[in-house]
Amino acid sequence: MKSVAIIGAGITGLTAAFYLKREGVPVAVFEASGRVGGVIQSVRKDGFLAEFGPNTILETSPKIKQLVIDAGLQSRKLDTDPKAEARYVVRYRRPIKMPGKPLGFITTPLFTAKAKLAVLREPFIKPRRDGVEESIGQFVVRRFNQEFLDNAIDALVAGIYAGDPNKLSLPHAFPKLKALEDNYGSMIKGQIFGARDRKKSGEVAKDRAAKFSFDEGLQVLPDTLAAQLGDSLKLNTPVTKLTQTASGWRVTTASGEAEFGAVIYCGTAYQLSELVVEPLTPALSPLGGAREKKFSAFGEISYPPVGAVVLGFRREDVAHPACGFGMLIPKIEGFKILGTIFSSALFPNRAPAGHITLTSYIGGARYPELGLLPPDQLVEATMADLRVLLGVKGQPVFIHTKTWPQAIPQYNVGYGKYRDLLNDLEANSPKLFFAGHYRDGVSLGDSIVSGVNIAERVGKLL
């Protein structure tokens, strides 16, 4: 059987390689850096466990649960503490608990009476049918009002994309919200009447999905998958060129060339923009007819910088109970951080006894210049906000920071042209495939499902 080259050892590439190898397909995974996992990075030090990227996996699909089983990690899986379900949104410069039930929405101080009436009115707003691509901001103002955007959705968008709701595309960044309006004429109607369809498909909405990690953090998953790949994993081996052959593709790296029956690209969009591809028949190629060409269009996709700041405190030095999932912060509140996860409340052994761990994020599309601050300034900016929001006093006893200069791809309005280009490339370049967060969704769960799906597609063609 012909082997498959997989470019990128993030969670998508590792998942795809894991399942192909299980089916007896030889694989080679090429990773430009010296480690696996991409943005997943867990570090344990001085009794604290720090996560630099995502903190949890949302179990939105049965395929995610199955990967944990197939990887033999069920005994190491940790569900979030049921007592840590509370989520907070900052308003009036303090964290306010989000309502968990309809009655709570009526009484919450998060929204004024005008915003609450807008939600009650939403089922009666006519759906938009003119085919115009809206931003999530335009959609929310149209179906609710400006207050709901400024004080709720802006914070949610910061938590998911570190993005700008007035730029992110509704159909591409939030396709399920658009589907609710398309299929049911209303978000609220869709939540009520679409429950049966969601149950039938086995899919779970992200706001209702179970969250989990592992005993030593999320890094356990990519490390486990990598260990099972053995010599098939090639670290510190960037791919510089792909050359189409009569039977597949030739992969060029600094250490040489090798022939493969198929190639799956699972890296980032900005790295894809630098990849040189030589098609077999230039005149028929979607690359424009040039004998060699880079996928330069994908370099246009925005990846704003994000700084992750993990701080450990003595329990008595934080006034807020910090016993929920965390807090999100709308831009209108005037703080620098995008939000904070109450990490040690979610899972055991994230902090020594008598201490807590807080993981904050700063930068993104909101304040890109802040995401690139040096570590001491990242900590200083974060501490200033935490003192006001959570009543932090004194100094942290544990500090760990990580800067992601290009963190999360922004599915901004017009993003469809990149997905169309990927579809065209696959259609016109046989046995070249694309998967990952720049195509199939930015969450960790989305990336896992993307890896499972691409392995199934490629496996059927070989």
Protein backbone atom coordinates (compact mmCIF):
# COMPACT_ATOMS: atom_id res chain seq x y z
CA MET A 1 0.00 0.00 0.00
CA LYS A 2 1.23 3.48 -0.86
CA SER A 3 2.30 5.68 2.03
CA VAL A 4 0.84 9.06 3.01
CA ALA A 5 2.82 12.19 3.90
CA ILE A 6 1.26 14.38 6.57
CA ILE A 7 2.59 17.92 6.95
CA GLY A 8 2.19 19.24 10.50
CA ALA A 9 2.18 17.43 13.85
CA GLY A 10 -0.52 19.48 15.51
CA ILE A 11 -3.58 17.65 16.78
CA THR A 12 -5.15 17.38 13.28
CA GLY A 13 -2.07 15.84 11.69
CA LEU A 14 -1.45 13.49 14.61
CA THR A 15 -5.07 12.33 14.64
CA ALA A 16 -5.06 11.69 10.89
CA ALA A 17 -1.76 9.79 11.12
CA PHE A 18 -2.95 7.76 14.10
CA TYR A 19 -6.06 6.51 12.33
CA LEU A 20 -4.37 5.87 8.98
CA LYS A 21 -1.68 3.82 10.68
CA ARG A 22 -4.36 1.84 12.57
CA GLU A 23 -5.81 0.92 9.18
CA GLY A 24 -2.45 -0.33 7.96
CA VAL A 25 -1.58 2.72 5.85
CA PRO A 26 2.12 3.68 6.10
CA VAL A 27 2.53 7.33 7.10
CA ALA A 28 5.28 9.90 7.54
CA VAL A 29 4.52 13.00 9.60
CA PHE A 30 6.73 16.02 8.90
CA GLU A 31 6.87 18.69 11.63
CA ALA A 32 8.89 21.87 11.19
CA SER A 33 9.37 22.46 14.94
CA GLY A 34 10.97 20.28 17.58
CA ARG A 35 7.73 19.29 19.36
CA VAL A 36 4.25 17.96 18.69
CA GLY A 37 0.89 19.44 19.58
CA GLY A 38 0.96 22.87 17.94
CA VAL A 39 -0.75 25.34 20.27
CA ILE A 40 -1.32 22.60 22.84
CA GLN A 41 1.39 22.98 25.45
CA SER A 42 1.26 21.89 29.09
CA VAL A 43 4.00 22.52 31.63
CA ARG A 44 4.15 21.33 35.25
CA LYS A 45 6.42 23.26 37.61
CA ASP A 46 6.51 23.91 41.36
CA GLY A 47 3.21 22.06 41.84
CA PHE A 48 1.37 24.17 39.24
CA LEU A 49 0.22 22.96 35.84
CA ALA A 50 0.17 25.63 33.13
CA GLU A 51 -1.66 25.39 29.82
CA PHE A 52 -0.36 27.82 27.19
CA GLY A 53 -3.03 27.24 24.56
CA PRO A 54 -6.45 25.65 25.02
CA ASN A 55 -7.36 24.46 28.51
CA THR A 56 -10.11 21.98 27.68
CA ILE A 57 -11.54 19.87 24.86
CA LEU A 58 -15.24 20.22 24.12
CA GLU A 59 -16.82 16.84 23.44
CA THR A 60 -19.02 18.10 20.61
CA SER A 61 -18.78 14.93 18.50
CA PRO A 62 -18.73 11.18 19.21
CA LYS A 63 -15.50 11.09 17.19
CA ILE A 64 -13.71 13.00 19.95
CA LYS A 65 -14.78 10.53 22.61
CA GLN A 66 -13.75 7.65 20.35
CA LEU A 67 -10.25 9.07 19.85
CA VAL A 68 -9.68 9.10 23.62
CA ILE A 69 -10.79 5.45 23.78
CA ASP A 70 -8.73 4.38 20.76
CA ALA A 71 -5.64 6.13 22.14
CA GLY A 72 -6.03 4.25 25.44
CA LEU A 73 -6.45 7.43 27.48
CA GLN A 74 -9.78 6.88 29.23
CA SER A 75 -8.08 6.23 32.57
CA ARG A 76 -6.23 9.55 32.31
CA LYS A 77 -9.19 11.61 31.16
CA LEU A 78 -10.53 14.21 33.59
CA ASP A 79 -13.97 15.75 33.34
CA THR A 80 -14.40 19.27 34.65
CA ASP A 81 -15.56 19.67 38.22
CA PRO A 82 -19.40 19.96 38.17
CA LYS A 83 -19.07 22.81 40.67
CA ALA A 84 -17.03 24.78 38.13
CA GLU A 85 -19.76 25.31 35.55
CA ALA A 86 -20.37 28.98 36.40
CA ARG A 87 -19.25 31.42 33.72
CA TYR A 88 -18.85 35.13 34.26
CA VAL A 89 -19.06 38.12 31.95
CA VAL A 90 -17.67 41.45 33.08
CA ARG A 91 -20.10 44.36 33.25
CA TYR A 92 -19.97 47.50 35.37
CA ARG A 93 -16.28 46.56 35.84
CA ARG A 94 -17.06 43.42 37.80
CA PRO A 95 -17.65 39.77 36.86
CA ILE A 96 -21.35 38.84 36.82
CA LYS A 97 -22.46 35.23 36.64
CA MET A 98 -24.18 34.29 33.40
CA PRO A 99 -27.68 32.91 33.84
CA GLY A 100 -27.98 29.17 33.41
CA LYS A 101 -31.77 29.01 33.07
CA PRO A 102 -34.45 31.14 31.37
CA LEU A 103 -35.67 32.54 34.68
CA GLY A 104 -32.13 33.63 35.46
CA PHE A 105 -32.02 35.64 32.26
CA ILE A 106 -35.05 37.64 33.39
CA THR A 107 -33.42 38.57 36.68
CA THR A 108 -29.73 38.91 35.68
CA PRO A 109 -28.10 42.33 36.04
CA LEU A 110 -25.99 41.58 32.96
CA PHE A 111 -28.59 43.14 30.66
CA THR A 112 -30.94 46.07 30.81
CA ALA A 113 -34.68 45.69 30.32
CA LYS A 114 -34.27 46.89 26.74
CA ALA A 115 -31.82 44.05 25.93
CA LYS A 116 -34.06 41.48 27.60
CA LEU A 117 -37.02 42.66 25.54
CA ALA A 118 -34.89 42.38 22.41
CA VAL A 119 -34.28 38.69 23.18
CA LEU A 120 -38.01 38.10 23.70
CA ARG A 121 -38.69 39.84 20.39
CA GLU A 122 -36.09 37.83 18.43
CA PRO A 123 -38.43 34.97 17.32
CA PHE A 124 -40.58 37.54 15.53
CA ILE A 125 -37.73 39.16 13.55
CA LYS A 126 -37.93 38.14 9.89
CA PRO A 127 -34.95 36.08 8.70
CA ARG A 128 -32.60 37.56 6.13
CA ARG A 129 -32.86 35.79 2.76
CA ASP A 130 -30.94 38.08 0.38
CA GLY A 131 -27.71 36.06 0.43
CA VAL A 132 -25.57 38.93 1.74
CA GLU A 133 -22.70 37.74 3.95
CA GLU A 134 -22.94 39.38 7.36
CA SER A 135 -20.45 39.73 10.16
CA ILE A 136 -21.49 38.20 13.48
CA GLY A 137 -21.77 41.77 14.77
CA GLN A 138 -24.23 42.78 12.05
CA PHE A 139 -26.26 39.63 12.65
CA VAL A 140 -26.54 40.17 16.41
CA VAL A 141 -27.54 43.84 16.07
CA ARG A 142 -30.16 42.91 13.47
CA ARG A 143 -31.69 40.11 15.50
CA PHE A 144 -31.15 41.55 18.99
CA ASN A 145 -29.58 44.98 19.58
CA GLN A 146 -26.29 46.83 20.04
CA GLU A 147 -26.20 46.26 23.79
CA PHE A 148 -26.35 42.51 23.33
CA LEU A 149 -23.41 42.72 20.93
CA ASP A 150 -21.32 45.05 23.09
CA ASN A 151 -21.87 43.29 26.42
CA ALA A 152 -22.21 39.61 25.50
CA ILE A 153 -21.26 38.55 21.98
CA ASP A 154 -18.11 40.69 21.86
CA ALA A 155 -16.87 38.85 24.96
CA LEU A 156 -17.81 35.46 23.51
CA VAL A 157 -15.98 36.20 20.26
CA ALA A 158 -12.89 37.23 22.23
CA GLY A 159 -13.00 33.92 24.08
CA ILE A 160 -13.29 31.77 20.95
CA TYR A 161 -11.34 33.62 18.25
CA ALA A 162 -9.63 36.48 20.08
CA GLY A 163 -11.39 38.24 17.23
CA ASP A 164 -13.47 41.24 16.21
CA PRO A 165 -17.23 40.54 15.91
CA ASN A 166 -17.56 43.28 13.30
CA LYS A 167 -15.08 41.44 11.04
CA LEU A 168 -15.78 37.75 11.68
CA SER A 169 -18.05 36.13 9.10
CA LEU A 170 -21.36 34.75 10.33
CA PRO A 171 -21.54 31.81 7.86
CA HIS A 172 -17.89 30.87 8.22
CA ALA A 173 -17.05 31.64 11.86
CA PHE A 174 -20.49 30.77 13.28
CA PRO A 175 -22.16 28.53 10.70
CA LYS A 176 -24.53 26.93 13.20
CA LEU A 177 -26.00 30.32 14.14
CA LYS A 178 -26.66 31.07 10.49
CA ALA A 179 -28.20 27.61 10.09
CA LEU A 180 -30.62 28.33 12.93
CA GLU A 181 -31.92 31.38 11.12
CA ASP A 182 -31.93 29.66 7.72
CA ASN A 183 -33.72 26.54 8.93
CA TYR A 184 -35.99 27.88 11.66
CA GLY A 185 -36.19 31.62 11.00
CA SER A 186 -34.88 32.40 14.49
CA MET A 187 -32.07 31.52 16.87
CA ILE A 188 -34.43 30.89 19.76
CA LYS A 189 -36.82 28.81 17.66
CA GLY A 190 -33.85 26.86 16.36
CA GLN A 191 -32.61 26.11 19.86
CA ILE A 192 -36.03 24.78 20.80
CA PHE A 193 -37.12 22.95 17.66
CA GLY A 194 -33.68 21.83 16.49
CA ALA A 195 -32.93 19.78 19.60
CA ARG A 196 -34.27 16.60 18.02
CA ASP A 197 -32.10 16.96 14.91
CA ARG A 198 -28.98 17.58 17.01
CA LYS A 199 -29.71 14.53 19.16
CA LYS A 200 -30.17 12.37 16.07
CA SER A 201 -26.82 13.44 14.61
CA GLY A 202 -24.96 12.84 17.87
CA GLU A 203 -23.53 16.37 17.72
CA VAL A 204 -23.64 18.59 20.81
CA ALA A 205 -23.77 22.39 20.83
CA LYS A 206 -20.53 23.90 22.14
CA ASP A 207 -22.28 25.72 24.97
CA ARG A 208 -23.67 22.39 26.22
CA ALA A 209 -20.79 20.06 25.42
CA ALA A 210 -18.92 18.27 28.18
CA LYS A 211 -15.39 19.57 28.76
CA PHE A 212 -12.38 17.45 29.64
CA SER A 213 -8.62 17.31 29.89
CA PHE A 214 -6.08 14.77 31.19
CA ASP A 215 -4.21 14.22 34.43
CA GLU A 216 -1.09 16.03 33.18
CA GLY A 217 -2.86 18.47 30.89
CA LEU A 218 -3.87 18.46 27.25
CA GLN A 219 -0.29 17.72 26.16
CA VAL A 220 -1.00 14.10 27.13
CA LEU A 221 -3.07 13.60 23.97
CA PRO A 222 -0.55 14.69 21.31
CA ASP A 223 2.30 13.03 23.21
CA THR A 224 0.39 9.74 23.30
CA LEU A 225 -0.48 9.87 19.61
CA ALA A 226 3.12 10.77 18.75
CA ALA A 227 4.48 7.86 20.78
CA GLN A 228 2.34 5.43 18.80
CA LEU A 229 3.69 6.82 15.53
CA GLY A 230 7.29 5.99 16.43
CA ASP A 231 9.79 6.55 13.60
CA SER A 232 6.98 7.75 11.33
CA LEU A 233 7.24 11.13 13.06
CA LYS A 234 9.91 13.48 11.68
CA LEU A 235 10.55 16.49 13.94
CA ASN A 236 12.59 19.53 12.90
CA THR A 237 11.82 18.62 9.28
CA PRO A 238 10.03 21.41 7.40
CA VAL A 239 8.66 20.57 3.98
CA THR A 240 9.82 23.06 1.37
CA LYS A 241 8.33 21.71 -1.84
CA LEU A 242 5.73 19.34 -3.23
CA THR A 243 6.12 17.92 -6.72
CA GLN A 244 3.26 16.07 -8.37
CA THR A 245 4.18 12.75 -9.97
CA ALA A 246 2.28 10.28 -12.11
CA SER A 247 1.35 8.24 -9.05
CA GLY A 248 1.23 10.82 -6.24
CA TRP A 249 3.58 13.43 -4.79
CA ARG A 250 7.27 13.92 -4.12
CA VAL A 251 7.99 15.64 -0.78
CA THR A 252 11.16 17.71 -0.48
CA THR A 253 12.81 18.56 2.84
CA ALA A 254 16.29 19.73 3.80
CA SER A 255 17.31 16.10 4.29
CA GLY A 256 16.14 14.85 0.90
CA GLU A 257 13.14 13.72 -1.12
CA ALA A 258 10.62 10.90 -0.81
CA GLU A 259 7.69 9.64 -2.89
CA PHE A 260 4.18 9.27 -1.44
CA GLY A 261 0.83 8.15 -2.72
CA ALA A 262 -0.91 11.15 -1.12
CA VAL A 263 -0.18 14.27 0.92
CA ILE A 264 -2.30 15.80 3.68
CA TYR A 265 -1.45 19.37 4.68
CA CYS A 266 -2.30 19.96 8.37
CA GLY A 267 -0.16 22.99 9.15
CA THR A 268 -1.15 26.66 9.34
CA ALA A 269 -2.44 28.90 6.57
CA TYR A 270 0.57 31.23 6.77
CA GLN A 271 2.98 28.29 6.42
CA LEU A 272 0.91 27.00 3.51
CA SER A 273 1.44 30.35 1.77
CA GLU A 274 5.19 29.64 1.68
CA LEU A 275 4.93 26.09 0.33
CA VAL A 276 6.20 25.66 -3.23
CA VAL A 277 4.15 23.27 -5.36
CA GLU A 278 5.09 21.93 -8.79
CA PRO A 279 2.07 20.50 -10.62
CA LEU A 280 2.40 17.69 -13.12
CA THR A 281 0.46 19.50 -15.86
CA PRO A 282 0.84 23.27 -15.42
CA ALA A 283 -1.73 24.21 -18.08
CA LEU A 284 -4.47 22.33 -16.23
CA SER A 285 -3.39 23.37 -12.75
CA PRO A 286 -5.49 25.71 -10.53
CA LEU A 287 -2.18 27.18 -9.48
CA GLY A 288 -2.35 29.43 -12.51
CA GLY A 289 -0.18 27.64 -15.06
CA ALA A 290 3.20 28.44 -13.53
CA ARG A 291 5.61 25.54 -13.29
CA GLU A 292 6.23 26.37 -9.63
CA LYS A 293 4.07 28.53 -7.42
CA LYS A 294 3.47 29.23 -3.74
CA PHE A 295 0.01 29.27 -2.22
CA SER A 296 0.52 32.96 -1.50
CA ALA A 297 -3.21 33.75 -1.14
CA PHE A 298 -3.33 31.95 2.20
CA GLY A 299 -0.84 34.42 3.63
CA GLU A 300 -3.67 36.97 3.61
CA ILE A 301 -5.49 35.14 6.42
CA SER A 302 -5.12 37.07 9.65
CA TYR A 303 -3.58 35.38 12.70
CA PRO A 304 -3.44 38.05 15.44
CA PRO A 305 -0.93 37.58 18.28
CA VAL A 306 -2.08 36.37 21.69
CA GLY A 307 -0.18 36.28 24.96
CA ALA A 308 -1.03 33.60 27.54
CA VAL A 309 -0.29 34.51 31.17
CA VAL A 310 -0.53 31.77 33.80
CA LEU A 311 -0.32 33.04 37.37
CA GLY A 312 -0.45 31.13 40.65
CA PHE A 313 -1.60 32.81 43.88
CA ARG A 314 -2.12 31.97 47.51
CA ARG A 315 -5.82 31.41 47.94
CA GLU A 316 -6.10 34.21 50.50
CA ASP A 317 -4.62 36.70 48.01
CA VAL A 318 -7.61 36.47 45.63
CA ALA A 319 -10.87 37.92 46.93
CA HIS A 320 -13.10 36.41 44.24
CA PRO A 321 -14.03 32.74 44.85
CA ALA A 322 -12.87 31.86 41.27
CA CYS A 323 -14.80 28.61 41.47
CA GLY A 324 -16.36 28.64 38.00
CA PHE A 325 -15.01 28.15 34.49
CA GLY A 326 -13.77 31.71 34.13
CA MET A 327 -14.69 35.20 32.97
CA LEU A 328 -14.93 36.89 29.58
CA ILE A 329 -14.44 40.63 29.15
CA PRO A 330 -16.17 42.82 26.53
CA LYS A 331 -14.04 45.53 24.95
CA ILE A 332 -16.47 48.21 26.14
CA GLU A 333 -15.40 47.54 29.76
CA GLY A 334 -11.95 49.00 29.06
CA PHE A 335 -9.68 46.20 30.34
CA LYS A 336 -6.62 44.88 28.53
CA ILE A 337 -7.09 41.14 29.06
CA LEU A 338 -9.62 39.25 26.92
CA GLY A 339 -10.59 36.88 29.69
CA THR A 340 -9.38 34.58 32.44
CA ILE A 341 -9.86 30.86 33.02
CA PHE A 342 -10.08 29.67 36.63
CA SER A 343 -7.79 26.76 35.79
CA SER A 344 -7.40 25.17 39.22
CA ALA A 345 -11.18 25.14 39.70
CA LEU A 346 -11.69 23.02 36.59
CA PHE A 347 -9.44 20.06 37.36
CA PRO A 348 -7.55 18.66 40.37
CA ASN A 349 -3.79 19.09 40.83
CA ARG A 350 -3.51 22.30 38.82
CA ALA A 351 -2.16 24.13 41.89
CA PRO A 352 -0.63 23.18 45.27
CA ALA A 353 -2.93 23.03 48.30
CA GLY A 354 -3.98 26.49 49.41
CA HIS A 355 -3.28 28.05 46.00
CA ILE A 356 -5.16 28.80 42.79
CA THR A 357 -4.15 29.10 39.14
CA LEU A 358 -5.53 31.79 36.82
CA THR A 359 -4.87 31.68 33.06
CA SER A 360 -5.42 34.97 31.22
CA TYR A 361 -5.18 35.93 27.56
CA ILE A 362 -4.23 39.28 26.11
CA GLY A 363 -3.97 40.71 22.58
CA GLY A 364 -5.89 39.20 19.69
CA ALA A 365 -7.64 41.31 17.05
CA ARG A 366 -8.80 43.64 19.83
CA TYR A 367 -5.32 44.72 20.98
CA PRO A 368 -2.73 43.00 18.73
CA GLU A 369 0.09 45.18 20.01
CA LEU A 370 -0.47 43.91 23.56
CA GLY A 371 -0.13 40.28 22.51
CA LEU A 372 3.50 40.91 21.59
CA LEU A 373 4.55 42.56 24.86
CA PRO A 374 7.63 41.10 26.60
CA PRO A 375 6.86 38.69 29.48
CA ASP A 376 7.28 41.20 32.32
CA GLN A 377 4.89 43.66 30.67
CA LEU A 378 2.38 40.91 29.93
CA VAL A 379 2.35 40.04 33.61
CA GLU A 380 2.12 43.68 34.67
CA ALA A 381 -0.88 44.37 32.38
CA THR A 382 -2.62 41.19 33.51
CA MET A 383 -2.06 41.88 37.19
CA ALA A 384 -3.47 45.40 36.87
CA ASP A 385 -6.75 44.01 35.51
CA LEU A 386 -6.95 41.09 37.96
CA ARG A 387 -6.55 43.42 40.91
CA VAL A 388 -9.69 45.28 39.86
CA LEU A 389 -11.74 42.33 38.61
CA LEU A 390 -10.89 39.57 41.09
CA GLY A 391 -9.50 41.49 44.04
CA VAL A 392 -5.99 40.10 43.64
CA LYS A 393 -3.44 41.45 46.10
CA GLY A 394 0.25 40.92 46.60
CA GLN A 395 2.36 39.15 43.98
CA PRO A 396 1.92 35.80 42.22
CA VAL A 397 3.96 32.89 43.54
CA PHE A 398 4.04 31.26 40.10
CA ILE A 399 4.47 32.95 36.72
CA HIS A 400 4.56 31.43 33.26
CA THR A 401 3.94 33.24 29.98
CA LYS A 402 3.78 32.23 26.35
CA THR A 403 3.47 34.48 23.31
CA TRP A 404 1.81 33.17 20.16
CA PRO A 405 2.80 35.70 17.43
CA GLN A 406 0.26 34.10 15.07
CA ALA A 407 -2.38 32.47 17.22
CA ILE A 408 -5.83 31.85 15.73
CA PRO A 409 -6.97 32.16 12.10
CA GLN A 410 -9.69 34.78 11.71
CA TYR A 411 -12.65 33.64 9.64
CA ASN A 412 -13.43 37.20 8.57
CA VAL A 413 -16.05 38.28 6.05
CA GLY A 414 -14.97 36.98 2.65
CA TYR A 415 -13.33 33.86 4.11
CA GLY A 416 -15.28 31.72 1.67
CA LYS A 417 -12.75 32.48 -1.08
CA TYR A 418 -10.07 30.58 0.81
CA ARG A 419 -12.30 27.57 1.35
CA ASP A 420 -13.30 27.65 -2.32
CA LEU A 421 -9.63 27.74 -3.28
CA LEU A 422 -8.91 24.72 -1.08
CA ASN A 423 -11.80 22.84 -2.68
CA ASP A 424 -10.51 23.74 -6.16
CA LEU A 425 -6.98 22.66 -5.28
CA GLU A 426 -8.18 19.29 -4.04
CA ALA A 427 -10.39 18.81 -7.09
CA ASN A 428 -7.61 19.67 -9.55
CA SER A 429 -4.62 18.23 -7.69
CA PRO A 430 -5.43 14.57 -7.07
CA LYS A 431 -4.23 13.07 -3.80
CA LEU A 432 -3.40 16.44 -2.23
CA PHE A 433 -5.62 17.16 0.79
CA PHE A 434 -6.07 19.96 3.32
CA ALA A 435 -7.33 19.76 6.91
CA GLY A 436 -7.07 21.68 10.15
CA HIS A 437 -8.06 24.82 11.99
CA TYR A 438 -7.77 27.13 8.96
CA ARG A 439 -10.45 25.08 7.17
CA ASP A 440 -12.70 23.15 9.55
CA GLY A 441 -13.06 25.32 12.67
CA VAL A 442 -10.68 26.75 15.24
CA SER A 443 -11.58 24.81 18.38
CA LEU A 444 -9.53 21.85 19.54
CA GLY A 445 -12.54 19.59 19.04
CA ASP A 446 -12.99 20.89 15.48
CA SER A 447 -9.36 20.07 14.73
CA ILE A 448 -9.70 16.53 16.07
CA VAL A 449 -12.81 15.89 13.99
CA SER A 450 -11.02 17.35 10.96
CA GLY A 451 -8.20 14.83 11.46
CA VAL A 452 -10.59 11.91 11.80
CA ASN A 453 -12.54 12.92 8.71
CA ILE A 454 -9.51 13.46 6.48
CA ALA A 455 -8.10 10.07 7.51
CA GLU A 456 -11.38 8.45 6.47
CA ARG A 457 -11.35 10.26 3.10
CA VAL A 458 -7.76 9.41 2.28
CA GLY A 459 -8.07 5.82 3.51
CA LYS A 460 -10.92 5.15 1.06
CA LEU A 461 -8.91 6.44 -1.90
CA LEU A 462 -5.76 4.38 -1.34
